[in-house]
Each structure stands twice: as structure tokens, then as C-alpha cells.
Amino acid sequence: MKPEYKNLYEKFGLNVVYYRKRLKITQLELAELVDVDRSHISAIELGKVGVSFDVIFKLAEVLQITPKDLFDFRD
């Protein structure tokens, strides 16, 4: 990950946290529904890793939002 994009990864992660908590599910529950490891969800939420399109699409489906919602960053 390029350092200049770190802030965007973190904002993406914050959106994942927001929508996950809105559904009142844990990281483990989200991980199981998306079919990834819980530690991967944690790393996404903390903005430590990039995310494939497959995971973005599955996250959006599980979180009952559009993929665009995950990129609608708040200031």
C-alpha cells in the first residue's frame, strides 16, 4: 500500500465498521458471511490491507448496501 493512500484505506475501513455495527454483527459473524478470516476483517477495518473486488462485492451484499456506499467517505 502506498503511504499516500493510507488515509483512504482507513476511511474505507471506517465505513465497513459503520455498516457492520448498523447490522449489529461482530467481526467474526461478518467474516463468516463474507467467507474470509476474522483477522482479515479486522485488517480491513483498520485500513491495513487492500481489498479485492470480490470481497468488496461480498461485503456490500452482506452489509445490505451498494459497493459505492463503502467508498462514500465522510470528512
PDB file of N, CA and C in Angstrom:
ATOM      1  N   MET A   1       0.840  -1.176   0.000  1.00  0.00           N
ATOM      2  CA  MET A   1       0.000   0.000   0.000  1.00  0.00           C
ATOM      3  C   MET A   1       0.889   1.245   0.000  1.00  0.00           C
ATOM      4  N   LYS A   2       0.572   2.160  -0.875  1.00  0.00           N
ATOM      5  CA  LYS A   2       1.333   3.402  -0.937  1.00  0.00           C
ATOM      6  C   LYS A   2       0.919   4.302   0.230  1.00  0.00           C
ATOM      7  N   PRO A   3       1.889   4.919   0.890  1.00  0.00           N
ATOM      8  CA  PRO A   3       1.590   5.763   2.056  1.00  0.00           C
ATOM      9  C   PRO A   3       0.576   6.872   1.767  1.00  0.00           C
ATOM     10  N   GLU A   4       0.598   7.394   0.549  1.00  0.00           N
ATOM     11  CA  GLU A   4      -0.332   8.495   0.237  1.00  0.00           C
ATOM     12  C   GLU A   4      -1.793   8.047   0.183  1.00  0.00           C
ATOM     13  N   TYR A   5      -2.034   6.731   0.133  1.00  0.00           N
ATOM     14  CA  TYR A   5      -3.399   6.209   0.108  1.00  0.00           C
ATOM     15  C   TYR A   5      -3.855   5.658   1.456  1.00  0.00           C
ATOM     16  N   LYS A   6      -2.982   5.660   2.431  1.00  0.00           N
ATOM     17  CA  LYS A   6      -3.300   5.102   3.764  1.00  0.00           C
ATOM     18  C   LYS A   6      -4.598   5.691   4.316  1.00  0.00           C
ATOM     19  N   ASN A   7      -4.754   6.995   4.193  1.00  0.00           N
ATOM     20  CA  ASN A   7      -5.948   7.668   4.711  1.00  0.00           C
ATOM     21  C   ASN A   7      -7.225   7.130   4.051  1.00  0.00           C
ATOM     22  N   LEU A   8      -7.155   6.829   2.768  1.00  0.00           N
ATOM     23  CA  LEU A   8      -8.329   6.310   2.062  1.00  0.00           C
ATOM     24  C   LEU A   8      -8.654   4.886   2.501  1.00  0.00           C
ATOM     25  N   TYR A   9      -7.627   4.082   2.732  1.00  0.00           N
ATOM     26  CA  TYR A   9      -7.850   2.727   3.246  1.00  0.00           C
ATOM     27  C   TYR A   9      -8.529   2.794   4.614  1.00  0.00           C
ATOM     28  N   GLU A  10      -8.093   3.733   5.438  1.00  0.00           N
ATOM     29  CA  GLU A  10      -8.682   3.887   6.769  1.00  0.00           C
ATOM     30  C   GLU A  10     -10.134   4.334   6.687  1.00  0.00           C
ATOM     31  N   LYS A  11     -10.440   5.246   5.771  1.00  0.00           N
ATOM     32  CA  LYS A  11     -11.829   5.695   5.601  1.00  0.00           C
ATOM     33  C   LYS A  11     -12.711   4.548   5.103  1.00  0.00           C
ATOM     34  N   PHE A  12     -12.187   3.743   4.193  1.00  0.00           N
ATOM     35  CA  PHE A  12     -12.922   2.569   3.726  1.00  0.00           C
ATOM     36  C   PHE A  12     -13.218   1.653   4.908  1.00  0.00           C
ATOM     37  N   GLY A  13     -12.190   1.412   5.723  1.00  0.00           N
ATOM     38  CA  GLY A  13     -12.358   0.564   6.900  1.00  0.00           C
ATOM     39  C   GLY A  13     -13.389   1.097   7.870  1.00  0.00           C
ATOM     40  N   LEU A  14     -13.402   2.395   8.074  1.00  0.00           N
ATOM     41  CA  LEU A  14     -14.396   3.002   8.960  1.00  0.00           C
ATOM     42  C   LEU A  14     -15.808   2.786   8.430  1.00  0.00           C
ATOM     43  N   ASN A  15     -15.968   2.818   7.107  1.00  0.00           N
ATOM     44  CA  ASN A  15     -17.283   2.542   6.537  1.00  0.00           C
ATOM     45  C   ASN A  15     -17.698   1.097   6.776  1.00  0.00           C
ATOM     46  N   VAL A  16     -16.753   0.175   6.671  1.00  0.00           N
ATOM     47  CA  VAL A  16     -17.071  -1.230   6.956  1.00  0.00           C
ATOM     48  C   VAL A  16     -17.531  -1.364   8.412  1.00  0.00           C
ATOM     49  N   VAL A  17     -16.807  -0.726   9.330  1.00  0.00           N
ATOM     50  CA  VAL A  17     -17.191  -0.760  10.747  1.00  0.00           C
ATOM     51  C   VAL A  17     -18.598  -0.188  10.932  1.00  0.00           C
ATOM     52  N   TYR A  18     -18.850   0.962  10.333  1.00  0.00           N
ATOM     53  CA  TYR A  18     -20.151   1.626  10.471  1.00  0.00           C
ATOM     54  C   TYR A  18     -21.290   0.717  10.034  1.00  0.00           C
ATOM     55  N   TYR A  19     -21.173   0.168   8.830  1.00  0.00           N
ATOM     56  CA  TYR A  19     -22.262  -0.670   8.312  1.00  0.00           C
ATOM     57  C   TYR A  19     -22.362  -2.004   9.045  1.00  0.00           C
ATOM     58  N   ARG A  20     -21.245  -2.531   9.521  1.00  0.00           N
ATOM     59  CA  ARG A  20     -21.283  -3.770  10.312  1.00  0.00           C
ATOM     60  C   ARG A  20     -22.024  -3.530  11.625  1.00  0.00           C
ATOM     61  N   LYS A  21     -21.684  -2.434  12.289  1.00  0.00           N
ATOM     62  CA  LYS A  21     -22.342  -2.138  13.574  1.00  0.00           C
ATOM     63  C   LYS A  21     -23.809  -1.788  13.383  1.00  0.00           C
ATOM     64  N   ARG A  22     -24.131  -1.196  12.242  1.00  0.00           N
ATOM     65  CA  ARG A  22     -25.533  -0.890  11.954  1.00  0.00           C
ATOM     66  C   ARG A  22     -26.367  -2.163  11.909  1.00  0.00           C
ATOM     67  N   LEU A  23     -25.753  -3.256  11.436  1.00  0.00           N
ATOM     68  CA  LEU A  23     -26.439  -4.549  11.403  1.00  0.00           C
ATOM     69  C   LEU A  23     -26.310  -5.320  12.714  1.00  0.00           C
ATOM     70  N   LYS A  24     -25.510  -4.753  13.636  1.00  0.00           N
ATOM     71  CA  LYS A  24     -25.297  -5.375  14.947  1.00  0.00           C
ATOM     72  C   LYS A  24     -24.710  -6.776  14.819  1.00  0.00           C
ATOM     73  N   ILE A  25     -23.646  -6.861  13.992  1.00  0.00           N
ATOM     74  CA  ILE A  25     -22.942  -8.134  13.874  1.00  0.00           C
ATOM     75  C   ILE A  25     -21.474  -7.936  14.248  1.00  0.00           C
ATOM     76  N   THR A  26     -20.861  -9.004  14.696  1.00  0.00           N
ATOM     77  CA  THR A  26     -19.458  -8.956  15.107  1.00  0.00           C
ATOM     78  C   THR A  26     -18.547  -9.121  13.893  1.00  0.00           C
ATOM     79  N   GLN A  27     -17.269  -8.864  14.110  1.00  0.00           N
ATOM     80  CA  GLN A  27     -16.287  -9.109  13.053  1.00  0.00           C
ATOM     81  C   GLN A  27     -16.305 -10.578  12.647  1.00  0.00           C
ATOM     82  N   LEU A  28     -16.420 -11.455  13.618  1.00  0.00           N
ATOM     83  CA  LEU A  28     -16.437 -12.886  13.322  1.00  0.00           C
ATOM     84  C   LEU A  28     -17.649 -13.250  12.469  1.00  0.00           C
ATOM     85  N   GLU A  29     -18.812 -12.718  12.823  1.00  0.00           N
ATOM     86  CA  GLU A  29     -20.016 -13.003  12.041  1.00  0.00           C
ATOM     87  C   GLU A  29     -19.875 -12.480  10.611  1.00  0.00           C
ATOM     88  N   LEU A  30     -19.344 -11.257  10.478  1.00  0.00           N
ATOM     89  CA  LEU A  30     -19.141 -10.696   9.141  1.00  0.00           C
ATOM     90  C   LEU A  30     -18.150 -11.550   8.357  1.00  0.00           C
ATOM     91  N   ALA A  31     -17.083 -11.940   9.001  1.00  0.00           N
ATOM     92  CA  ALA A  31     -16.066 -12.758   8.345  1.00  0.00           C
ATOM     93  C   ALA A  31     -16.670 -14.063   7.823  1.00  0.00           C
ATOM     94  N   GLU A  32     -17.496 -14.699   8.628  1.00  0.00           N
ATOM     95  CA  GLU A  32     -18.121 -15.954   8.213  1.00  0.00           C
ATOM     96  C   GLU A  32     -19.048 -15.743   7.021  1.00  0.00           C
ATOM     97  N   LEU A  33     -19.792 -14.645   7.041  1.00  0.00           N
ATOM     98  CA  LEU A  33     -20.725 -14.358   5.951  1.00  0.00           C
ATOM     99  C   LEU A  33     -20.005 -13.997   4.647  1.00  0.00           C
ATOM    100  N   VAL A  34     -18.846 -13.358   4.773  1.00  0.00           N
ATOM    101  CA  VAL A  34     -18.072 -12.949   3.605  1.00  0.00           C
ATOM    102  C   VAL A  34     -17.118 -14.059   3.164  1.00  0.00           C
ATOM    103  N   ASP A  35     -16.930 -15.037   4.035  1.00  0.00           N
ATOM    104  CA  ASP A  35     -16.044 -16.179   3.790  1.00  0.00           C
ATOM    105  C   ASP A  35     -14.565 -15.768   3.739  1.00  0.00           C
ATOM    106  N   VAL A  36     -14.190 -14.974   4.755  1.00  0.00           N
ATOM    107  CA  VAL A  36     -12.782 -14.616   4.973  1.00  0.00           C
ATOM    108  C   VAL A  36     -12.488 -14.807   6.456  1.00  0.00           C
ATOM    109  N   ASP A  37     -11.234 -14.745   6.814  1.00  0.00           N
ATOM    110  CA  ASP A  37     -10.837 -14.884   8.208  1.00  0.00           C
ATOM    111  C   ASP A  37     -11.180 -13.618   8.996  1.00  0.00           C
ATOM    112  N   ARG A  38     -11.478 -13.768  10.295  1.00  0.00           N
ATOM    113  CA  ARG A  38     -11.808 -12.618  11.125  1.00  0.00           C
ATOM    114  C   ARG A  38     -10.667 -11.619  11.151  1.00  0.00           C
ATOM    115  N   SER A  39      -9.445 -12.104  11.139  1.00  0.00           N
ATOM    116  CA  SER A  39      -8.303 -11.194  11.171  1.00  0.00           C
ATOM    117  C   SER A  39      -8.235 -10.338   9.899  1.00  0.00           C
ATOM    118  N   HIS A  40      -8.754 -10.863   8.796  1.00  0.00           N
ATOM    119  CA  HIS A  40      -8.794 -10.078   7.555  1.00  0.00           C
ATOM    120  C   HIS A  40      -9.811  -8.945   7.680  1.00  0.00           C
ATOM    121  N   ILE A  41     -10.961  -9.227   8.284  1.00  0.00           N
ATOM    122  CA  ILE A  41     -11.956  -8.174   8.525  1.00  0.00           C
ATOM    123  C   ILE A  41     -11.354  -7.104   9.426  1.00  0.00           C
ATOM    124  N   SER A  42     -10.660  -7.515  10.466  1.00  0.00           N
ATOM    125  CA  SER A  42     -10.009  -6.561  11.361  1.00  0.00           C
ATOM    126  C   SER A  42      -9.019  -5.688  10.605  1.00  0.00           C
ATOM    127  N   ALA A  43      -8.201  -6.308   9.758  1.00  0.00           N
ATOM    128  CA  ALA A  43      -7.203  -5.555   8.991  1.00  0.00           C
ATOM    129  C   ALA A  43      -7.877  -4.582   8.012  1.00  0.00           C
ATOM    130  N   ILE A  44      -8.990  -4.994   7.410  1.00  0.00           N
ATOM    131  CA  ILE A  44      -9.741  -4.103   6.522  1.00  0.00           C
ATOM    132  C   ILE A  44     -10.265  -2.913   7.311  1.00  0.00           C
ATOM    133  N   GLU A  45     -10.889  -3.195   8.453  1.00  0.00           N
ATOM    134  CA  GLU A  45     -11.473  -2.124   9.258  1.00  0.00           C
ATOM    135  C   GLU A  45     -10.426  -1.145   9.778  1.00  0.00           C
ATOM    136  N   LEU A  46      -9.209  -1.624   9.986  1.00  0.00           N
ATOM    137  CA  LEU A  46      -8.131  -0.751  10.464  1.00  0.00           C
ATOM    138  C   LEU A  46      -7.376  -0.080   9.313  1.00  0.00           C
ATOM    139  N   GLY A  47      -7.753  -0.388   8.081  1.00  0.00           N
ATOM    140  CA  GLY A  47      -7.106   0.212   6.921  1.00  0.00           C
ATOM    141  C   GLY A  47      -5.703  -0.292   6.677  1.00  0.00           C
ATOM    142  N   LYS A  48      -5.449  -1.536   7.059  1.00  0.00           N
ATOM    143  CA  LYS A  48      -4.104  -2.098   6.939  1.00  0.00           C
ATOM    144  C   LYS A  48      -3.885  -2.924   5.683  1.00  0.00           C
ATOM    145  N   VAL A  49      -4.960  -3.271   4.986  1.00  0.00           N
ATOM    146  CA  VAL A  49      -4.840  -4.101   3.782  1.00  0.00           C
ATOM    147  C   VAL A  49      -5.741  -3.575   2.676  1.00  0.00           C
ATOM    148  N   GLY A  50      -5.366  -3.902   1.453  1.00  0.00           N
ATOM    149  CA  GLY A  50      -6.228  -3.625   0.318  1.00  0.00           C
ATOM    150  C   GLY A  50      -7.289  -4.715   0.218  1.00  0.00           C
ATOM    151  N   VAL A  51      -8.323  -4.440  -0.543  1.00  0.00           N
ATOM    152  CA  VAL A  51      -9.440  -5.371  -0.633  1.00  0.00           C
ATOM    153  C   VAL A  51      -9.724  -5.661  -2.110  1.00  0.00           C
ATOM    154  N   SER A  52      -9.905  -6.927  -2.440  1.00  0.00           N
ATOM    155  CA  SER A  52     -10.226  -7.302  -3.815  1.00  0.00           C
ATOM    156  C   SER A  52     -11.671  -6.917  -4.142  1.00  0.00           C
ATOM    157  N   PHE A  53     -11.948  -6.831  -5.434  1.00  0.00           N
ATOM    158  CA  PHE A  53     -13.323  -6.546  -5.847  1.00  0.00           C
ATOM    159  C   PHE A  53     -14.270  -7.627  -5.342  1.00  0.00           C
ATOM    160  N   ASP A  54     -13.836  -8.879  -5.359  1.00  0.00           N
ATOM    161  CA  ASP A  54     -14.695  -9.967  -4.876  1.00  0.00           C
ATOM    162  C   ASP A  54     -15.128  -9.716  -3.437  1.00  0.00           C
ATOM    163  N   VAL A  55     -14.181  -9.312  -2.593  1.00  0.00           N
ATOM    164  CA  VAL A  55     -14.501  -9.054  -1.180  1.00  0.00           C
ATOM    165  C   VAL A  55     -15.365  -7.803  -1.053  1.00  0.00           C
ATOM    166  N   ILE A  56     -15.087  -6.783  -1.839  1.00  0.00           N
ATOM    167  CA  ILE A  56     -15.919  -5.565  -1.800  1.00  0.00           C
ATOM    168  C   ILE A  56     -17.360  -5.899  -2.152  1.00  0.00           C
ATOM    169  N   PHE A  57     -17.551  -6.667  -3.227  1.00  0.00           N
ATOM    170  CA  PHE A  57     -18.908  -7.016  -3.647  1.00  0.00           C
ATOM    171  C   PHE A  57     -19.616  -7.862  -2.598  1.00  0.00           C
ATOM    172  N   LYS A  58     -18.895  -8.806  -1.996  1.00  0.00           N
ATOM    173  CA  LYS A  58     -19.497  -9.662  -0.968  1.00  0.00           C
ATOM    174  C   LYS A  58     -19.796  -8.854   0.289  1.00  0.00           C
ATOM    175  N   LEU A  59     -18.885  -7.954   0.690  1.00  0.00           N
ATOM    176  CA  LEU A  59     -19.149  -7.089   1.844  1.00  0.00           C
ATOM    177  C   LEU A  59     -20.424  -6.288   1.625  1.00  0.00           C
ATOM    178  N   ALA A  60     -20.544  -5.682   0.451  1.00  0.00           N
ATOM    179  CA  ALA A  60     -21.726  -4.872   0.156  1.00  0.00           C
ATOM    180  C   ALA A  60     -22.996  -5.713   0.228  1.00  0.00           C
ATOM    181  N   GLU A  61     -22.939  -6.903  -0.333  1.00  0.00           N
ATOM    182  CA  GLU A  61     -24.100  -7.793  -0.305  1.00  0.00           C
ATOM    183  C   GLU A  61     -24.497  -8.134   1.131  1.00  0.00           C
ATOM    184  N   VAL A  62     -23.532  -8.544   1.923  1.00  0.00           N
ATOM    185  CA  VAL A  62     -23.800  -8.946   3.306  1.00  0.00           C
ATOM    186  C   VAL A  62     -24.257  -7.759   4.145  1.00  0.00           C
ATOM    187  N   LEU A  63     -23.640  -6.590   3.914  1.00  0.00           N
ATOM    188  CA  LEU A  63     -23.981  -5.400   4.706  1.00  0.00           C
ATOM    189  C   LEU A  63     -25.247  -4.706   4.190  1.00  0.00           C
ATOM    190  N   GLN A  64     -25.820  -5.234   3.111  1.00  0.00           N
ATOM    191  CA  GLN A  64     -27.068  -4.731   2.531  1.00  0.00           C
ATOM    192  C   GLN A  64     -26.933  -3.288   2.059  1.00  0.00           C
ATOM    193  N   ILE A  65     -25.838  -3.034   1.358  1.00  0.00           N
ATOM    194  CA  ILE A  65     -25.553  -1.715   0.804  1.00  0.00           C
ATOM    195  C   ILE A  65     -25.012  -1.903  -0.612  1.00  0.00           C
ATOM    196  N   THR A  66     -24.733  -0.797  -1.284  1.00  0.00           N
ATOM    197  CA  THR A  66     -24.096  -0.884  -2.594  1.00  0.00           C
ATOM    198  C   THR A  66     -22.581  -0.771  -2.400  1.00  0.00           C
ATOM    199  N   PRO A  67     -21.809  -1.294  -3.344  1.00  0.00           N
ATOM    200  CA  PRO A  67     -20.352  -1.106  -3.233  1.00  0.00           C
ATOM    201  C   PRO A  67     -19.976   0.375  -3.123  1.00  0.00           C
ATOM    202  N   LYS A  68     -20.714   1.232  -3.803  1.00  0.00           N
ATOM    203  CA  LYS A  68     -20.448   2.670  -3.751  1.00  0.00           C
ATOM    204  C   LYS A  68     -20.517   3.200  -2.327  1.00  0.00           C
ATOM    205  N   ASP A  69     -21.428   2.666  -1.524  1.00  0.00           N
ATOM    206  CA  ASP A  69     -21.566   3.122  -0.137  1.00  0.00           C
ATOM    207  C   ASP A  69     -20.256   2.944   0.644  1.00  0.00           C
ATOM    208  N   LEU A  70     -19.514   1.916   0.332  1.00  0.00           N
ATOM    209  CA  LEU A  70     -18.252   1.676   1.032  1.00  0.00           C
ATOM    210  C   LEU A  70     -17.201   2.733   0.691  1.00  0.00           C
ATOM    211  N   PHE A  71     -17.403   3.410  -0.444  1.00  0.00           N
ATOM    212  CA  PHE A  71     -16.449   4.434  -0.877  1.00  0.00           C
ATOM    213  C   PHE A  71     -16.975   5.859  -0.670  1.00  0.00           C
ATOM    214  N   ASP A  72     -18.122   5.974  -0.035  1.00  0.00           N
ATOM    215  CA  ASP A  72     -18.704   7.300   0.244  1.00  0.00           C
ATOM    216  C   ASP A  72     -18.101   7.787   1.556  1.00  0.00           C
ATOM    217  N   PHE A  73     -16.909   8.382   1.459  1.00  0.00           N
ATOM    218  CA  PHE A  73     -16.144   8.752   2.641  1.00  0.00           C
ATOM    219  C   PHE A  73     -16.680  10.027   3.275  1.00  0.00           C
ATOM    220  N   ARG A  74     -16.755   9.995   4.600  1.00  0.00           N
ATOM    221  CA  ARG A  74     -17.153  11.163   5.374  1.00  0.00           C
ATOM    222  C   ARG A  74     -15.904  11.944   5.746  1.00  0.00           C
ATOM    223  N   ASP A  75     -16.043  13.235   5.885  1.00  0.00           N
ATOM    224  CA  ASP A  75     -14.887  14.049   6.283  1.00  0.00           C
ATOM    225  C   ASP A  75     -14.818  14.213   7.781  1.00  0.00           C
TER     226      ASP A  75
END
